[in-house]
């Protein structure tokens, strides 16, 4: 499965450079957002590659339910950060994760790959074998910067931003990339100290990023501090607080559990 995902990520890197009019706006996707041509080109590439492999595909643009008994599950975000890609902001990614089970939880994910399509940085994770950046195993230092650098996504959610942002900004520098899997990859590799998204709108298609952080040794919970255990299906949503240091994780949960 990992070899397949690496192959798909490399194809995505080629397509992002070759496709004309990739920013063309099309119809609404499954989650109600406007798709662009590049979203669909990347998704169709994956569908073609796994067509004969009998995997259930959970994806952002045009999911297709199989009537057959499947041999596993693939979870895809073909272009995480589509709006960044449209505007030329250098943060957008291809993200894919998979399990040999049909109704997996996060514990059942076997492999994940995230490719930064702007600069070609590749992240991968293998169940119980760690997380890797450009082929090198990630080894994290538990020491947190002072003040910490926290990546937090509030989107257009005025309620959570008005309650949580002021409290976080009292003790942390804040960042928001607009591409959740890349923010998770930054957390997994130690570039930022924590990642927070407690809106309840984080999509199933971001599973690859959660898997990467998990295998890197990041402490991951929902906004209440509980383990993320729900079954991963097309309509799954997450809240998430992720940090490599226990004290900061506990502090973030205290602020966000409102």
Protein backbone atom coordinates (compact mmCIF):
# COMPACT_ATOMS: atom_id res chain seq x y z
CA UNK A 1 0.00 0.00 0.00
CA UNK A 2 2.80 2.42 0.85
CA UNK A 3 4.53 1.80 -2.48
CA UNK A 4 1.27 2.55 -4.28
CA UNK A 5 0.78 5.80 -2.36
CA UNK A 6 4.34 6.94 -3.10
CA UNK A 7 3.73 6.25 -6.79
CA UNK A 8 0.48 8.25 -6.71
CA UNK A 9 2.17 11.15 -4.92
CA UNK A 10 4.86 11.32 -7.58
CA UNK A 11 2.24 11.29 -10.33
CA UNK A 12 0.49 14.15 -8.55
CA UNK A 13 3.74 16.15 -8.56
CA UNK A 14 3.96 15.77 -12.34
CA UNK A 15 0.31 16.61 -12.98
CA UNK A 16 0.39 19.80 -10.91
CA UNK A 17 2.98 21.14 -13.38
CA UNK A 18 1.46 19.79 -16.57
CA UNK A 19 -2.28 20.51 -16.37
CA UNK A 20 -3.54 23.64 -18.10
CA UNK A 21 -6.34 25.73 -16.54
CA UNK A 22 -6.03 23.86 -13.23
CA UNK A 23 -7.64 26.79 -11.42
CA UNK A 24 -10.85 26.64 -13.47
CA UNK A 25 -13.88 26.59 -11.15
CA UNK A 26 -16.32 23.72 -11.60
CA UNK A 27 -19.28 22.31 -9.66
CA UNK A 28 -19.67 21.82 -5.91
CA UNK A 29 -17.96 18.78 -4.39
CA UNK A 30 -19.34 16.24 -1.87
CA UNK A 31 -18.74 18.62 1.05
CA UNK A 32 -20.35 21.63 -0.62
CA UNK A 33 -17.17 23.48 -1.62
CA UNK A 34 -16.47 24.60 -5.16
CA UNK A 35 -14.16 22.21 -6.98
CA UNK A 36 -11.47 23.37 -9.36
CA UNK A 37 -10.14 21.43 -12.33
CA UNK A 38 -6.94 20.35 -10.54
CA UNK A 39 -8.95 18.79 -7.71
CA UNK A 40 -10.73 16.54 -10.17
CA UNK A 41 -7.67 15.75 -12.31
CA UNK A 42 -5.78 14.45 -9.27
CA UNK A 43 -8.78 12.53 -7.97
CA UNK A 44 -9.42 10.89 -11.34
CA UNK A 45 -5.76 9.87 -11.56
CA UNK A 46 -6.09 8.01 -8.25
CA UNK A 47 -9.37 6.39 -9.27
CA UNK A 48 -7.78 5.07 -12.45
CA UNK A 49 -4.75 3.70 -10.60
CA UNK A 50 -6.76 1.83 -7.96
CA UNK A 51 -9.64 0.79 -10.22
CA UNK A 52 -8.61 -2.87 -10.31
CA UNK A 53 -7.58 -3.12 -6.65
CA UNK A 54 -11.04 -3.29 -5.10
CA UNK A 55 -10.52 -0.55 -2.52
CA UNK A 56 -13.32 1.55 -1.07
CA UNK A 57 -12.39 5.18 -1.87
CA UNK A 58 -13.27 7.99 0.53
CA UNK A 59 -12.50 11.27 -1.19
CA UNK A 60 -13.34 14.95 -1.27
CA UNK A 61 -14.64 15.58 -4.75
CA UNK A 62 -16.73 12.74 -6.22
CA UNK A 63 -16.87 9.70 -3.92
CA UNK A 64 -18.24 6.52 -5.46
CA UNK A 65 -19.82 3.80 -3.33
CA UNK A 66 -18.92 0.24 -4.25
CA UNK A 67 -21.52 -2.51 -4.26
CA UNK A 68 -18.82 -5.15 -3.85
CA UNK A 69 -17.06 -6.43 -0.76
CA UNK A 70 -13.89 -4.35 -0.69
CA UNK A 71 -10.39 -5.40 0.28
CA UNK A 72 -9.60 -2.17 2.10
CA UNK A 73 -10.12 1.58 2.34
CA UNK A 74 -8.27 4.50 0.73
CA UNK A 75 -8.82 8.02 2.09
CA UNK A 76 -7.83 10.82 -0.30
CA UNK A 77 -7.50 14.58 -0.35
CA UNK A 78 -6.36 15.17 -3.94
CA UNK A 79 -5.54 18.85 -3.39
CA UNK A 80 -5.52 20.03 0.20
CA UNK A 81 -5.34 23.80 0.09
CA UNK A 82 -7.19 24.32 -3.18
CA UNK A 83 -7.73 28.01 -2.42
CA UNK A 84 -3.99 28.40 -1.81
CA UNK A 85 -3.31 26.80 -5.20
CA UNK A 86 -5.81 29.14 -6.87
CA UNK A 87 -4.18 32.23 -5.39
CA UNK A 88 -0.57 31.09 -5.77
CA UNK A 89 0.00 30.82 -2.01
CA UNK A 90 2.80 28.23 -1.61
CA UNK A 91 1.04 25.63 0.55
CA UNK A 92 -1.01 22.87 -1.09
CA UNK A 93 -0.69 19.11 -0.90
CA UNK A 94 -1.70 15.67 -2.12
CA UNK A 95 -2.65 13.50 0.87
CA UNK A 96 -3.59 9.82 0.94
CA UNK A 97 -3.98 7.17 3.64
CA UNK A 98 -5.21 3.60 3.65
CA UNK A 99 -6.18 0.50 5.60
CA UNK A 100 -6.77 -3.14 4.74
CA UNK A 101 -10.05 -2.86 6.67
CA UNK A 102 -13.39 -1.70 5.27
CA UNK A 103 -14.54 0.26 8.32
CA UNK A 104 -11.27 1.43 9.83
CA UNK A 105 -10.54 3.65 12.80
CA UNK A 106 -7.36 5.70 13.06
CA UNK A 107 -5.66 2.70 14.72
CA UNK A 108 -6.30 0.64 11.58
CA UNK A 109 -4.56 2.97 9.11
CA UNK A 110 -1.58 1.13 7.65
CA UNK A 111 0.15 3.81 5.59
CA UNK A 112 -0.05 7.47 4.65
CA UNK A 113 1.70 9.80 2.23
CA UNK A 114 1.58 13.60 2.02
CA UNK A 115 3.32 15.46 -0.78
CA UNK A 116 3.79 19.21 -0.68
CA UNK A 117 2.96 19.93 -4.31
CA UNK A 118 4.64 23.34 -4.20
CA UNK A 119 8.13 22.24 -3.17
CA UNK A 120 7.91 18.41 -3.57
CA UNK A 121 8.66 17.63 0.10
CA UNK A 122 7.36 14.11 0.78
CA UNK A 123 6.12 12.78 4.10
CA UNK A 124 5.19 9.17 4.74
CA UNK A 125 4.07 7.07 7.69
CA UNK A 126 3.96 3.32 8.20
CA UNK A 127 1.91 1.73 10.97
CA UNK A 128 4.12 1.04 14.01
CA UNK A 129 7.24 1.97 12.00
CA UNK A 130 7.41 5.73 12.37
CA UNK A 131 7.13 8.83 10.19
CA UNK A 132 9.53 10.00 7.49
CA UNK A 133 10.37 13.26 5.73
CA UNK A 134 12.06 12.92 2.35
CA UNK A 135 13.03 9.37 3.26
CA UNK A 136 14.64 10.27 6.61
CA UNK A 137 12.98 9.05 9.80
CA UNK A 138 11.62 11.89 11.88
CA UNK A 139 13.17 12.15 15.35
CA UNK A 140 11.60 14.78 17.54
CA UNK A 141 13.09 16.72 20.41
CA UNK A 142 10.53 17.05 23.22
CA UNK A 143 11.72 20.56 24.03
CA UNK A 144 9.17 23.21 23.11
CA UNK A 145 10.16 26.71 22.05
CA UNK A 146 9.34 29.58 24.37
CA UNK A 147 6.94 31.00 23.40
CA UNK A 148 5.62 27.98 21.48
CA UNK A 149 4.71 28.15 17.80
CA UNK A 150 1.13 26.89 17.41
CA UNK A 151 -0.60 26.21 14.11
CA UNK A 152 -4.34 26.75 14.64
CA UNK A 153 -7.11 26.68 12.04
CA UNK A 154 -10.19 28.79 12.72
CA UNK A 155 -11.25 29.30 9.11
CA UNK A 156 -14.29 31.57 9.16
CA UNK A 157 -15.59 30.24 12.48
CA UNK A 158 -16.19 33.42 14.48
CA UNK A 159 -17.29 31.53 17.60
CA UNK A 160 -14.16 29.44 18.11
CA UNK A 161 -11.82 32.19 16.92
CA UNK A 162 -13.31 34.79 19.27
CA UNK A 163 -13.10 32.43 22.26
CA UNK A 164 -9.86 30.55 21.64
CA UNK A 165 -7.60 32.81 19.58
CA UNK A 166 -7.25 35.52 22.28
CA UNK A 167 -6.26 32.93 24.89
CA UNK A 168 -3.75 31.18 22.63
CA UNK A 169 -2.18 34.44 21.51
CA UNK A 170 -1.41 35.35 25.14
CA UNK A 171 1.35 32.73 25.30
CA UNK A 172 2.03 31.47 21.76
CA UNK A 173 2.95 32.67 18.31
CA UNK A 174 0.15 31.73 15.92
CA UNK A 175 0.26 30.36 12.37
CA UNK A 176 -2.40 29.23 9.85
CA UNK A 177 -1.43 27.81 6.45
CA UNK A 178 -4.84 26.92 5.05
CA UNK A 179 -3.74 23.37 4.22
CA UNK A 180 -4.43 21.13 7.19
CA UNK A 181 -2.29 18.17 6.14
CA UNK A 182 0.74 20.43 5.70
CA UNK A 183 0.13 21.96 9.13
CA UNK A 184 0.00 18.44 10.56
CA UNK A 185 3.18 17.54 8.70
CA UNK A 186 4.85 20.61 10.19
CA UNK A 187 3.78 19.42 13.64
CA UNK A 188 4.96 15.87 12.95
CA UNK A 189 8.38 17.09 11.87
CA UNK A 190 8.83 19.63 14.69
CA UNK A 191 8.58 22.78 12.58
CA UNK A 192 5.69 23.93 14.77
CA UNK A 193 5.06 22.86 18.35
CA UNK A 194 1.34 22.10 18.12
CA UNK A 195 -1.66 21.94 15.83
CA UNK A 196 -5.21 22.90 16.86
CA UNK A 197 -8.53 22.66 15.01
CA UNK A 198 -11.56 22.43 17.29
CA UNK A 199 -14.32 23.66 14.95
CA UNK A 200 -15.62 20.14 14.33
CA UNK A 201 -15.15 20.71 10.59
CA UNK A 202 -11.86 18.89 10.00
CA UNK A 203 -12.65 16.40 7.25
CA UNK A 204 -12.06 12.66 6.99
CA UNK A 205 -9.84 13.45 3.99
CA UNK A 206 -7.18 14.82 6.38
CA UNK A 207 -6.60 11.38 7.92
CA UNK A 208 -3.13 11.12 6.33
CA UNK A 209 -1.95 14.06 8.44
CA UNK A 210 -3.28 12.58 11.67
CA UNK A 211 -1.60 9.24 10.85
CA UNK A 212 1.70 11.04 10.17
CA UNK A 213 1.59 12.84 13.52
CA UNK A 214 0.64 9.64 15.34
CA UNK A 215 3.60 7.74 13.91
CA UNK A 216 5.94 10.67 14.69
CA UNK A 217 5.04 10.33 18.38
CA UNK A 218 2.79 13.38 18.66
CA UNK A 219 0.19 13.41 21.45
CA UNK A 220 -3.19 13.55 19.69
CA UNK A 221 -6.65 14.03 21.15
CA UNK A 222 -10.01 15.58 20.41
CA UNK A 223 -10.79 18.97 21.95
CA UNK A 224 -11.83 17.31 25.22
CA UNK A 225 -8.51 15.51 25.57
CA UNK A 226 -9.94 12.12 24.57
CA UNK A 227 -8.47 9.65 22.12
CA UNK A 228 -9.80 9.88 18.55
CA UNK A 229 -11.60 6.56 18.07
CA UNK A 230 -14.49 7.06 15.65
CA UNK A 231 -14.94 4.93 12.56
CA UNK A 232 -13.56 6.62 9.46
CA UNK A 233 -16.32 6.99 6.87
CA UNK A 234 -17.23 9.56 4.24
CA UNK A 235 -18.95 11.90 6.72
CA UNK A 236 -16.49 11.68 9.65
CA UNK A 237 -15.38 15.02 11.13
CA UNK A 238 -12.69 15.64 13.72
CA UNK A 239 -11.68 18.06 16.39
CA UNK A 240 -8.00 17.77 17.13
CA UNK A 241 -5.31 19.01 19.49
CA UNK A 242 -1.84 17.69 18.71
CA UNK A 243 1.44 18.40 20.48
CA UNK A 244 4.66 16.53 21.24
CA UNK A 245 4.86 17.79 24.84
CA UNK A 246 2.38 16.81 27.58
CA UNK A 247 2.24 20.12 29.46
CA UNK A 248 1.50 22.17 26.38
CA UNK A 249 -1.06 19.62 25.17
CA UNK A 250 -2.85 19.80 28.52
CA UNK A 251 -2.80 23.60 28.41
CA UNK A 252 -4.25 23.65 24.90
CA UNK A 253 -7.03 21.24 25.90
CA UNK A 254 -7.89 23.50 28.84
CA UNK A 255 -8.25 26.48 26.54
CA UNK A 256 -10.11 24.71 23.73
CA UNK A 257 -12.51 22.48 25.72
CA UNK A 258 -15.28 25.08 25.88
